[in-house]
Amino acid sequence: MAARPIGRFYELQQEVDVPEPYVLTSKIKIPPPTRKQMVAFRAATNEADMERALFGDRYDDIAELFGDRPEQEYTAFANEVWKHFFGRGINDVEGKSGESSTS
């Protein structure tokens, strides 16, 4: 019988609530991004590279699916994917506004 893994690394794997894949269509399922994907996402210098890093090998299918659709649909999708994997952002916090309070 193999020894049970020990250490905080293995404990974290049991404790962290990793979201299920985001199901866009029956053929396009986006798994939670890996650490490597997020490092590439933050290092990206343009939107296309950010999307490619985040969506991985599903990027081309997603680009094709939304290619001839209104931009608002893609934006809604992108926002929903972000919330699915990472929760609410600062602009989603109740009481937060885009207006400056220094008028």
PDB file of N, CA and C in Angstrom:
ATOM      1  N   MET A   1       0.824  -1.170   0.000  1.00  0.00           N
ATOM      2  CA  MET A   1       0.000   0.000   0.000  1.00  0.00           C
ATOM      3  C   MET A   1       0.882   1.253   0.000  1.00  0.00           C
ATOM      4  N   ALA A   2       0.551   2.208  -0.844  1.00  0.00           N
ATOM      5  CA  ALA A   2       1.335   3.429  -0.955  1.00  0.00           C
ATOM      6  C   ALA A   2       1.128   4.298   0.283  1.00  0.00           C
ATOM      7  N   ALA A   3       2.179   4.991   0.651  1.00  0.00           N
ATOM      8  CA  ALA A   3       2.101   5.885   1.804  1.00  0.00           C
ATOM      9  C   ALA A   3       1.183   7.069   1.481  1.00  0.00           C
ATOM     10  N   ARG A   4       0.426   7.490   2.455  1.00  0.00           N
ATOM     11  CA  ARG A   4      -0.467   8.633   2.298  1.00  0.00           C
ATOM     12  C   ARG A   4       0.372   9.905   2.210  1.00  0.00           C
ATOM     13  N   PRO A   5       0.105  10.757   1.206  1.00  0.00           N
ATOM     14  CA  PRO A   5       0.869  12.008   1.109  1.00  0.00           C
ATOM     15  C   PRO A   5       0.673  12.848   2.367  1.00  0.00           C
ATOM     16  N   ILE A   6       1.734  13.492   2.795  1.00  0.00           N
ATOM     17  CA  ILE A   6       1.643  14.360   3.967  1.00  0.00           C
ATOM     18  C   ILE A   6       2.173  15.738   3.619  1.00  0.00           C
ATOM     19  N   GLY A   7       1.826  16.706   4.417  1.00  0.00           N
ATOM     20  CA  GLY A   7       2.321  18.064   4.233  1.00  0.00           C
ATOM     21  C   GLY A   7       1.204  19.021   3.875  1.00  0.00           C
ATOM     22  N   ARG A   8       1.481  20.280   4.045  1.00  0.00           N
ATOM     23  CA  ARG A   8       0.481  21.323   3.826  1.00  0.00           C
ATOM     24  C   ARG A   8       0.025  21.382   2.380  1.00  0.00           C
ATOM     25  N   PHE A   9       0.902  21.097   1.422  1.00  0.00           N
ATOM     26  CA  PHE A   9       0.536  21.093   0.009  1.00  0.00           C
ATOM     27  C   PHE A   9      -0.640  20.154  -0.232  1.00  0.00           C
ATOM     28  N   TYR A  10      -0.581  18.992   0.321  1.00  0.00           N
ATOM     29  CA  TYR A  10      -1.642  18.001   0.138  1.00  0.00           C
ATOM     30  C   TYR A  10      -2.899  18.366   0.920  1.00  0.00           C
ATOM     31  N   GLU A  11      -2.720  18.980   2.075  1.00  0.00           N
ATOM     32  CA  GLU A  11      -3.866  19.435   2.862  1.00  0.00           C
ATOM     33  C   GLU A  11      -4.627  20.533   2.112  1.00  0.00           C
ATOM     34  N   LEU A  12      -3.888  21.447   1.494  1.00  0.00           N
ATOM     35  CA  LEU A  12      -4.534  22.529   0.737  1.00  0.00           C
ATOM     36  C   LEU A  12      -5.377  21.975  -0.403  1.00  0.00           C
ATOM     37  N   GLN A  13      -4.897  20.933  -1.038  1.00  0.00           N
ATOM     38  CA  GLN A  13      -5.654  20.327  -2.134  1.00  0.00           C
ATOM     39  C   GLN A  13      -7.008  19.819  -1.651  1.00  0.00           C
ATOM     40  N   GLN A  14      -7.086  19.399  -0.408  1.00  0.00           N
ATOM     41  CA  GLN A  14      -8.339  18.921   0.155  1.00  0.00           C
ATOM     42  C   GLN A  14      -9.220  20.067   0.651  1.00  0.00           C
ATOM     43  N   GLU A  15      -8.609  21.162   1.090  1.00  0.00           N
ATOM     44  CA  GLU A  15      -9.342  22.270   1.702  1.00  0.00           C
ATOM     45  C   GLU A  15      -9.894  23.279   0.707  1.00  0.00           C
ATOM     46  N   VAL A  16      -9.171  23.524  -0.357  1.00  0.00           N
ATOM     47  CA  VAL A  16      -9.546  24.580  -1.304  1.00  0.00           C
ATOM     48  C   VAL A  16     -10.739  24.137  -2.143  1.00  0.00           C
ATOM     49  N   ASP A  17     -11.701  25.021  -2.262  1.00  0.00           N
ATOM     50  CA  ASP A  17     -12.898  24.740  -3.052  1.00  0.00           C
ATOM     51  C   ASP A  17     -12.659  25.217  -4.486  1.00  0.00           C
ATOM     52  N   VAL A  18     -12.178  24.330  -5.331  1.00  0.00           N
ATOM     53  CA  VAL A  18     -11.908  24.661  -6.729  1.00  0.00           C
ATOM     54  C   VAL A  18     -13.220  24.547  -7.508  1.00  0.00           C
ATOM     55  N   PRO A  19     -13.589  25.596  -8.252  1.00  0.00           N
ATOM     56  CA  PRO A  19     -14.851  25.542  -8.994  1.00  0.00           C
ATOM     57  C   PRO A  19     -14.854  24.458 -10.065  1.00  0.00           C
ATOM     58  N   GLU A  20     -16.044  24.026 -10.398  1.00  0.00           N
ATOM     59  CA  GLU A  20     -16.226  23.088 -11.504  1.00  0.00           C
ATOM     60  C   GLU A  20     -15.896  23.808 -12.815  1.00  0.00           C
ATOM     61  N   PRO A  21     -15.646  23.071 -13.886  1.00  0.00           N
ATOM     62  CA  PRO A  21     -15.445  23.729 -15.187  1.00  0.00           C
ATOM     63  C   PRO A  21     -16.658  24.584 -15.560  1.00  0.00           C
ATOM     64  N   TYR A  22     -16.405  25.637 -16.305  1.00  0.00           N
ATOM     65  CA  TYR A  22     -17.462  26.500 -16.826  1.00  0.00           C
ATOM     66  C   TYR A  22     -17.916  25.865 -18.137  1.00  0.00           C
ATOM     67  N   VAL A  23     -19.182  25.521 -18.226  1.00  0.00           N
ATOM     68  CA  VAL A  23     -19.714  24.857 -19.421  1.00  0.00           C
ATOM     69  C   VAL A  23     -20.358  25.909 -20.310  1.00  0.00           C
ATOM     70  N   LEU A  24     -19.716  26.190 -21.434  1.00  0.00           N
ATOM     71  CA  LEU A  24     -20.225  27.178 -22.380  1.00  0.00           C
ATOM     72  C   LEU A  24     -21.186  26.526 -23.368  1.00  0.00           C
ATOM     73  N   THR A  25     -20.777  25.396 -23.917  1.00  0.00           N
ATOM     74  CA  THR A  25     -21.625  24.604 -24.814  1.00  0.00           C
ATOM     75  C   THR A  25     -21.354  23.140 -24.496  1.00  0.00           C
ATOM     76  N   SER A  26     -22.060  22.258 -25.175  1.00  0.00           N
ATOM     77  CA  SER A  26     -21.811  20.834 -24.940  1.00  0.00           C
ATOM     78  C   SER A  26     -20.391  20.439 -25.343  1.00  0.00           C
ATOM     79  N   LYS A  27     -19.769  21.228 -26.210  1.00  0.00           N
ATOM     80  CA  LYS A  27     -18.415  20.907 -26.673  1.00  0.00           C
ATOM     81  C   LYS A  27     -17.325  21.786 -26.060  1.00  0.00           C
ATOM     82  N   ILE A  28     -17.720  22.911 -25.449  1.00  0.00           N
ATOM     83  CA  ILE A  28     -16.724  23.828 -24.888  1.00  0.00           C
ATOM     84  C   ILE A  28     -16.905  23.902 -23.381  1.00  0.00           C
ATOM     85  N   LYS A  29     -15.994  23.240 -22.687  1.00  0.00           N
ATOM     86  CA  LYS A  29     -15.972  23.260 -21.228  1.00  0.00           C
ATOM     87  C   LYS A  29     -14.622  23.832 -20.809  1.00  0.00           C
ATOM     88  N   ILE A  30     -14.663  24.878 -20.005  1.00  0.00           N
ATOM     89  CA  ILE A  30     -13.442  25.578 -19.610  1.00  0.00           C
ATOM     90  C   ILE A  30     -13.074  25.175 -18.180  1.00  0.00           C
ATOM     91  N   PRO A  31     -11.957  24.476 -18.009  1.00  0.00           N
ATOM     92  CA  PRO A  31     -11.557  24.083 -16.653  1.00  0.00           C
ATOM     93  C   PRO A  31     -10.995  25.284 -15.888  1.00  0.00           C
ATOM     94  N   PRO A  32     -10.976  25.203 -14.565  1.00  0.00           N
ATOM     95  CA  PRO A  32     -10.365  26.288 -13.797  1.00  0.00           C
ATOM     96  C   PRO A  32      -8.925  26.504 -14.262  1.00  0.00           C
ATOM     97  N   PRO A  33      -8.514  27.751 -14.391  1.00  0.00           N
ATOM     98  CA  PRO A  33      -7.147  28.000 -14.857  1.00  0.00           C
ATOM     99  C   PRO A  33      -6.110  27.521 -13.837  1.00  0.00           C
ATOM    100  N   THR A  34      -5.001  27.072 -14.370  1.00  0.00           N
ATOM    101  CA  THR A  34      -3.883  26.621 -13.537  1.00  0.00           C
ATOM    102  C   THR A  34      -3.035  27.817 -13.126  1.00  0.00           C
ATOM    103  N   ARG A  35      -2.135  27.582 -12.229  1.00  0.00           N
ATOM    104  CA  ARG A  35      -1.190  28.631 -11.805  1.00  0.00           C
ATOM    105  C   ARG A  35      -0.390  29.123 -13.016  1.00  0.00           C
ATOM    106  N   LYS A  36       0.070  28.201 -13.874  1.00  0.00           N
ATOM    107  CA  LYS A  36       0.837  28.600 -15.061  1.00  0.00           C
ATOM    108  C   LYS A  36       0.008  29.497 -15.977  1.00  0.00           C
ATOM    109  N   GLN A  37      -1.260  29.170 -16.135  1.00  0.00           N
ATOM    110  CA  GLN A  37      -2.131  29.997 -16.982  1.00  0.00           C
ATOM    111  C   GLN A  37      -2.258  31.403 -16.409  1.00  0.00           C
ATOM    112  N   MET A  38      -2.412  31.512 -15.095  1.00  0.00           N
ATOM    113  CA  MET A  38      -2.594  32.830 -14.493  1.00  0.00           C
ATOM    114  C   MET A  38      -1.309  33.656 -14.521  1.00  0.00           C
ATOM    115  N   VAL A  39      -0.165  33.003 -14.429  1.00  0.00           N
ATOM    116  CA  VAL A  39       1.103  33.720 -14.573  1.00  0.00           C
ATOM    117  C   VAL A  39       1.192  34.279 -15.993  1.00  0.00           C
ATOM    118  N   ALA A  40       0.835  33.476 -16.987  1.00  0.00           N
ATOM    119  CA  ALA A  40       0.839  33.942 -18.382  1.00  0.00           C
ATOM    120  C   ALA A  40      -0.201  35.044 -18.589  1.00  0.00           C
ATOM    121  N   PHE A  41      -1.344  34.929 -17.943  1.00  0.00           N
ATOM    122  CA  PHE A  41      -2.399  35.940 -18.033  1.00  0.00           C
ATOM    123  C   PHE A  41      -1.879  37.289 -17.541  1.00  0.00           C
ATOM    124  N   ARG A  42      -1.232  37.294 -16.385  1.00  0.00           N
ATOM    125  CA  ARG A  42      -0.721  38.549 -15.824  1.00  0.00           C
ATOM    126  C   ARG A  42       0.454  39.110 -16.622  1.00  0.00           C
ATOM    127  N   ALA A  43       1.195  38.250 -17.293  1.00  0.00           N
ATOM    128  CA  ALA A  43       2.344  38.697 -18.086  1.00  0.00           C
ATOM    129  C   ALA A  43       1.939  39.174 -19.486  1.00  0.00           C
ATOM    130  N   ALA A  44       0.713  38.876 -19.888  1.00  0.00           N
ATOM    131  CA  ALA A  44       0.256  39.224 -21.241  1.00  0.00           C
ATOM    132  C   ALA A  44       0.253  40.741 -21.437  1.00  0.00           C
ATOM    133  N   THR A  45       0.571  41.150 -22.650  1.00  0.00           N
ATOM    134  CA  THR A  45       0.633  42.583 -22.944  1.00  0.00           C
ATOM    135  C   THR A  45      -0.524  43.059 -23.810  1.00  0.00           C
ATOM    136  N   ASN A  46      -1.417  42.140 -24.181  1.00  0.00           N
ATOM    137  CA  ASN A  46      -2.596  42.537 -24.946  1.00  0.00           C
ATOM    138  C   ASN A  46      -3.759  41.607 -24.607  1.00  0.00           C
ATOM    139  N   GLU A  47      -4.945  42.040 -25.000  1.00  0.00           N
ATOM    140  CA  GLU A  47      -6.159  41.305 -24.643  1.00  0.00           C
ATOM    141  C   GLU A  47      -6.189  39.891 -25.215  1.00  0.00           C
ATOM    142  N   ALA A  48      -5.762  39.724 -26.451  1.00  0.00           N
ATOM    143  CA  ALA A  48      -5.781  38.398 -27.078  1.00  0.00           C
ATOM    144  C   ALA A  48      -4.883  37.419 -26.315  1.00  0.00           C
ATOM    145  N   ASP A  49      -3.708  37.862 -25.900  1.00  0.00           N
ATOM    146  CA  ASP A  49      -2.806  36.983 -25.149  1.00  0.00           C
ATOM    147  C   ASP A  49      -3.369  36.661 -23.765  1.00  0.00           C
ATOM    148  N   MET A  50      -4.067  37.628 -23.158  1.00  0.00           N
ATOM    149  CA  MET A  50      -4.709  37.377 -21.867  1.00  0.00           C
ATOM    150  C   MET A  50      -5.785  36.296 -22.018  1.00  0.00           C
ATOM    151  N   GLU A  51      -6.608  36.437 -23.047  1.00  0.00           N
ATOM    152  CA  GLU A  51      -7.677  35.475 -23.287  1.00  0.00           C
ATOM    153  C   GLU A  51      -7.105  34.102 -23.617  1.00  0.00           C
ATOM    154  N   ARG A  52      -6.064  34.066 -24.432  1.00  0.00           N
ATOM    155  CA  ARG A  52      -5.440  32.786 -24.792  1.00  0.00           C
ATOM    156  C   ARG A  52      -4.881  32.104 -23.542  1.00  0.00           C
ATOM    157  N   ALA A  53      -4.287  32.877 -22.651  1.00  0.00           N
ATOM    158  CA  ALA A  53      -3.752  32.303 -21.413  1.00  0.00           C
ATOM    159  C   ALA A  53      -4.875  31.763 -20.533  1.00  0.00           C
ATOM    160  N   LEU A  54      -5.940  32.526 -20.391  1.00  0.00           N
ATOM    161  CA  LEU A  54      -7.038  32.131 -19.514  1.00  0.00           C
ATOM    162  C   LEU A  54      -7.814  30.932 -20.057  1.00  0.00           C
ATOM    163  N   PHE A  55      -8.096  30.933 -21.358  1.00  0.00           N
ATOM    164  CA  PHE A  55      -8.934  29.888 -21.945  1.00  0.00           C
ATOM    165  C   PHE A  55      -8.156  28.690 -22.471  1.00  0.00           C
ATOM    166  N   GLY A  56      -6.841  28.794 -22.540  1.00  0.00           N
ATOM    167  CA  GLY A  56      -6.011  27.666 -22.948  1.00  0.00           C
ATOM    168  C   GLY A  56      -6.395  27.116 -24.306  1.00  0.00           C
ATOM    169  N   ASP A  57      -6.478  25.803 -24.419  1.00  0.00           N
ATOM    170  CA  ASP A  57      -6.748  25.191 -25.721  1.00  0.00           C
ATOM    171  C   ASP A  57      -8.197  25.351 -26.177  1.00  0.00           C
ATOM    172  N   ARG A  58      -9.023  26.021 -25.377  1.00  0.00           N
ATOM    173  CA  ARG A  58     -10.401  26.315 -25.809  1.00  0.00           C
ATOM    174  C   ARG A  58     -10.515  27.690 -26.457  1.00  0.00           C
ATOM    175  N   TYR A  59      -9.419  28.441 -26.453  1.00  0.00           N
ATOM    176  CA  TYR A  59      -9.432  29.808 -26.976  1.00  0.00           C
ATOM    177  C   TYR A  59      -9.965  29.889 -28.413  1.00  0.00           C
ATOM    178  N   ASP A  60      -9.450  29.071 -29.302  1.00  0.00           N
ATOM    179  CA  ASP A  60      -9.864  29.139 -30.710  1.00  0.00           C
ATOM    180  C   ASP A  60     -11.347  28.822 -30.879  1.00  0.00           C
ATOM    181  N   ASP A  61     -11.845  27.833 -30.152  1.00  0.00           N
ATOM    182  CA  ASP A  61     -13.268  27.499 -30.232  1.00  0.00           C
ATOM    183  C   ASP A  61     -14.136  28.648 -29.721  1.00  0.00           C
ATOM    184  N   ILE A  62     -13.705  29.278 -28.644  1.00  0.00           N
ATOM    185  CA  ILE A  62     -14.454  30.406 -28.076  1.00  0.00           C
ATOM    186  C   ILE A  62     -14.427  31.589 -29.035  1.00  0.00           C
ATOM    187  N   ALA A  63     -13.260  31.870 -29.598  1.00  0.00           N
ATOM    188  CA  ALA A  63     -13.142  32.978 -30.556  1.00  0.00           C
ATOM    189  C   ALA A  63     -14.036  32.744 -31.767  1.00  0.00           C
ATOM    190  N   GLU A  64     -14.087  31.521 -32.245  1.00  0.00           N
ATOM    191  CA  GLU A  64     -14.939  31.205 -33.388  1.00  0.00           C
ATOM    192  C   GLU A  64     -16.419  31.332 -33.022  1.00  0.00           C
ATOM    193  N   LEU A  65     -16.795  30.834 -31.862  1.00  0.00           N
ATOM    194  CA  LEU A  65     -18.189  30.877 -31.426  1.00  0.00           C
ATOM    195  C   LEU A  65     -18.708  32.311 -31.328  1.00  0.00           C
ATOM    196  N   PHE A  66     -17.902  33.204 -30.765  1.00  0.00           N
ATOM    197  CA  PHE A  66     -18.345  34.582 -30.557  1.00  0.00           C
ATOM    198  C   PHE A  66     -17.940  35.519 -31.702  1.00  0.00           C
ATOM    199  N   GLY A  67     -17.174  35.029 -32.657  1.00  0.00           N
ATOM    200  CA  GLY A  67     -16.625  35.879 -33.709  1.00  0.00           C
ATOM    201  C   GLY A  67     -17.616  36.780 -34.424  1.00  0.00           C
ATOM    202  N   ASP A  68     -18.788  36.288 -34.735  1.00  0.00           N
ATOM    203  CA  ASP A  68     -19.799  37.074 -35.455  1.00  0.00           C
ATOM    204  C   ASP A  68     -20.954  37.507 -34.561  1.00  0.00           C
ATOM    205  N   ARG A  69     -20.762  37.421 -33.266  1.00  0.00           N
ATOM    206  CA  ARG A  69     -21.794  37.808 -32.305  1.00  0.00           C
ATOM    207  C   ARG A  69     -21.529  39.227 -31.803  1.00  0.00           C
ATOM    208  N   PRO A  70     -22.533  39.899 -31.270  1.00  0.00           N
ATOM    209  CA  PRO A  70     -22.322  41.239 -30.710  1.00  0.00           C
ATOM    210  C   PRO A  70     -21.296  41.208 -29.568  1.00  0.00           C
ATOM    211  N   GLU A  71     -20.499  42.246 -29.492  1.00  0.00           N
ATOM    212  CA  GLU A  71     -19.458  42.344 -28.463  1.00  0.00           C
ATOM    213  C   GLU A  71     -20.053  42.235 -27.052  1.00  0.00           C
ATOM    214  N   GLN A  72     -21.258  42.739 -26.858  1.00  0.00           N
ATOM    215  CA  GLN A  72     -21.890  42.691 -25.533  1.00  0.00           C
ATOM    216  C   GLN A  72     -22.067  41.248 -25.049  1.00  0.00           C
ATOM    217  N   GLU A  73     -22.344  40.338 -25.962  1.00  0.00           N
ATOM    218  CA  GLU A  73     -22.492  38.935 -25.571  1.00  0.00           C
ATOM    219  C   GLU A  73     -21.159  38.372 -25.081  1.00  0.00           C
ATOM    220  N   TYR A  74     -20.082  38.692 -25.802  1.00  0.00           N
ATOM    221  CA  TYR A  74     -18.768  38.210 -25.382  1.00  0.00           C
ATOM    222  C   TYR A  74     -18.376  38.822 -24.044  1.00  0.00           C
ATOM    223  N   THR A  75     -18.629  40.104 -23.868  1.00  0.00           N
ATOM    224  CA  THR A  75     -18.289  40.774 -22.616  1.00  0.00           C
ATOM    225  C   THR A  75     -19.041  40.146 -21.449  1.00  0.00           C
ATOM    226  N   ALA A  76     -20.336  39.855 -21.649  1.00  0.00           N
ATOM    227  CA  ALA A  76     -21.114  39.200 -20.598  1.00  0.00           C
ATOM    228  C   ALA A  76     -20.525  37.823 -20.271  1.00  0.00           C
ATOM    229  N   PHE A  77     -20.137  37.084 -21.301  1.00  0.00           N
ATOM    230  CA  PHE A  77     -19.509  35.771 -21.112  1.00  0.00           C
ATOM    231  C   PHE A  77     -18.211  35.904 -20.321  1.00  0.00           C
ATOM    232  N   ALA A  78     -17.341  36.818 -20.744  1.00  0.00           N
ATOM    233  CA  ALA A  78     -16.041  36.982 -20.087  1.00  0.00           C
ATOM    234  C   ALA A  78     -16.215  37.363 -18.617  1.00  0.00           C
ATOM    235  N   ASN A  79     -17.144  38.255 -18.330  1.00  0.00           N
ATOM    236  CA  ASN A  79     -17.402  38.652 -16.941  1.00  0.00           C
ATOM    237  C   ASN A  79     -17.922  37.483 -16.121  1.00  0.00           C
ATOM    238  N   GLU A  80     -18.794  36.697 -16.719  1.00  0.00           N
ATOM    239  CA  GLU A  80     -19.365  35.551 -16.016  1.00  0.00           C
ATOM    240  C   GLU A  80     -18.307  34.487 -15.731  1.00  0.00           C
ATOM    241  N   VAL A  81     -17.416  34.241 -16.696  1.00  0.00           N
ATOM    242  CA  VAL A  81     -16.338  33.264 -16.487  1.00  0.00           C
ATOM    243  C   VAL A  81     -15.451  33.714 -15.331  1.00  0.00           C
ATOM    244  N   TRP A  82     -15.108  34.997 -15.311  1.00  0.00           N
ATOM    245  CA  TRP A  82     -14.243  35.523 -14.249  1.00  0.00           C
ATOM    246  C   TRP A  82     -14.904  35.321 -12.881  1.00  0.00           C
ATOM    247  N   LYS A  83     -16.189  35.681 -12.791  1.00  0.00           N
ATOM    248  CA  LYS A  83     -16.909  35.501 -11.523  1.00  0.00           C
ATOM    249  C   LYS A  83     -17.003  34.025 -11.140  1.00  0.00           C
ATOM    250  N   HIS A  84     -17.198  33.166 -12.125  1.00  0.00           N
ATOM    251  CA  HIS A  84     -17.302  31.727 -11.867  1.00  0.00           C
ATOM    252  C   HIS A  84     -16.035  31.203 -11.195  1.00  0.00           C
ATOM    253  N   PHE A  85     -14.881  31.621 -11.697  1.00  0.00           N
ATOM    254  CA  PHE A  85     -13.626  31.095 -11.178  1.00  0.00           C
ATOM    255  C   PHE A  85     -13.066  31.875  -9.990  1.00  0.00           C
ATOM    256  N   PHE A  86     -13.329  33.183  -9.933  1.00  0.00           N
ATOM    257  CA  PHE A  86     -12.650  34.009  -8.929  1.00  0.00           C
ATOM    258  C   PHE A  86     -13.568  34.786  -8.002  1.00  0.00           C
ATOM    259  N   GLY A  87     -14.861  34.712  -8.206  1.00  0.00           N
ATOM    260  CA  GLY A  87     -15.778  35.439  -7.342  1.00  0.00           C
ATOM    261  C   GLY A  87     -15.955  36.873  -7.792  1.00  0.00           C
ATOM    262  N   ARG A  88     -16.624  37.632  -6.942  1.00  0.00           N
ATOM    263  CA  ARG A  88     -16.929  39.023  -7.266  1.00  0.00           C
ATOM    264  C   ARG A  88     -15.671  39.873  -7.274  1.00  0.00           C
ATOM    265  N   GLY A  89     -15.618  40.810  -8.195  1.00  0.00           N
ATOM    266  CA  GLY A  89     -14.509  41.749  -8.274  1.00  0.00           C
ATOM    267  C   GLY A  89     -14.834  43.024  -7.521  1.00  0.00           C
ATOM    268  N   ILE A  90     -13.888  43.915  -7.436  1.00  0.00           N
ATOM    269  CA  ILE A  90     -14.054  45.152  -6.701  1.00  0.00           C
ATOM    270  C   ILE A  90     -15.209  45.980  -7.247  1.00  0.00           C
ATOM    271  N   ASN A  91     -15.437  45.941  -8.547  1.00  0.00           N
ATOM    272  CA  ASN A  91     -16.525  46.729  -9.128  1.00  0.00           C
ATOM    273  C   ASN A  91     -17.891  46.105  -8.896  1.00  0.00           C
ATOM    274  N   ASP A  92     -17.933  44.907  -8.333  1.00  0.00           N
ATOM    275  CA  ASP A  92     -19.194  44.231  -8.037  1.00  0.00           C
ATOM    276  C   ASP A  92     -19.628  44.409  -6.587  1.00  0.00           C
ATOM    277  N   VAL A  93     -18.781  45.043  -5.783  1.00  0.00           N
ATOM    278  CA  VAL A  93     -19.084  45.209  -4.369  1.00  0.00           C
ATOM    279  C   VAL A  93     -20.178  46.256  -4.214  1.00  0.00           C
ATOM    280  N   GLU A  94     -21.188  45.930  -3.416  1.00  0.00           N
ATOM    281  CA  GLU A  94     -22.304  46.845  -3.198  1.00  0.00           C
ATOM    282  C   GLU A  94     -21.789  48.175  -2.669  1.00  0.00           C
ATOM    283  N   GLY A  95     -22.297  49.259  -3.239  1.00  0.00           N
ATOM    284  CA  GLY A  95     -21.888  50.590  -2.821  1.00  0.00           C
ATOM    285  C   GLY A  95     -20.718  51.141  -3.599  1.00  0.00           C
ATOM    286  N   LYS A  96     -20.054  50.315  -4.368  1.00  0.00           N
ATOM    287  CA  LYS A  96     -18.921  50.758  -5.190  1.00  0.00           C
ATOM    288  C   LYS A  96     -19.452  51.408  -6.438  1.00  0.00           C
ATOM    289  N   SER A  97     -18.934  52.554  -6.791  1.00  0.00           N
ATOM    290  CA  SER A  97     -19.360  53.215  -8.026  1.00  0.00           C
ATOM    291  C   SER A  97     -18.135  53.585  -8.833  1.00  0.00           C
ATOM    292  N   GLY A  98     -18.352  53.791 -10.097  1.00  0.00           N
ATOM    293  CA  GLY A  98     -17.272  54.211 -10.982  1.00  0.00           C
ATOM    294  C   GLY A  98     -16.953  55.683 -10.850  1.00  0.00           C
ATOM    295  N   GLU A  99     -17.804  56.421 -10.132  1.00  0.00           N
ATOM    296  CA  GLU A  99     -17.611  57.852  -9.961  1.00  0.00           C
ATOM    297  C   GLU A  99     -16.584  58.126  -8.867  1.00  0.00           C
ATOM    298  N   SER A 100     -15.813  59.156  -9.058  1.00  0.00           N
ATOM    299  CA  SER A 100     -14.887  59.577  -8.028  1.00  0.00           C
ATOM    300  C   SER A 100     -15.655  60.347  -6.966  1.00  0.00           C
ATOM    301  N   SER A 101     -15.266  60.195  -5.722  1.00  0.00           N
ATOM    302  CA  SER A 101     -15.950  60.913  -4.645  1.00  0.00           C
ATOM    303  C   SER A 101     -15.317  62.267  -4.375  1.00  0.00           C
ATOM    304  N   THR A 102     -14.390  62.671  -5.252  1.00  0.00           N
ATOM    305  CA  THR A 102     -13.709  63.946  -5.056  1.00  0.00           C
ATOM    306  C   THR A 102     -14.226  64.986  -6.031  1.00  0.00           C
ATOM    307  N   SER A 103     -15.559  65.211  -6.062  1.00  0.00           N
ATOM    308  CA  SER A 103     -16.113  66.198  -6.994  1.00  0.00           C
ATOM    309  C   SER A 103     -16.093  67.563  -6.417  1.00  0.00           C
TER     310      SER A 103
END
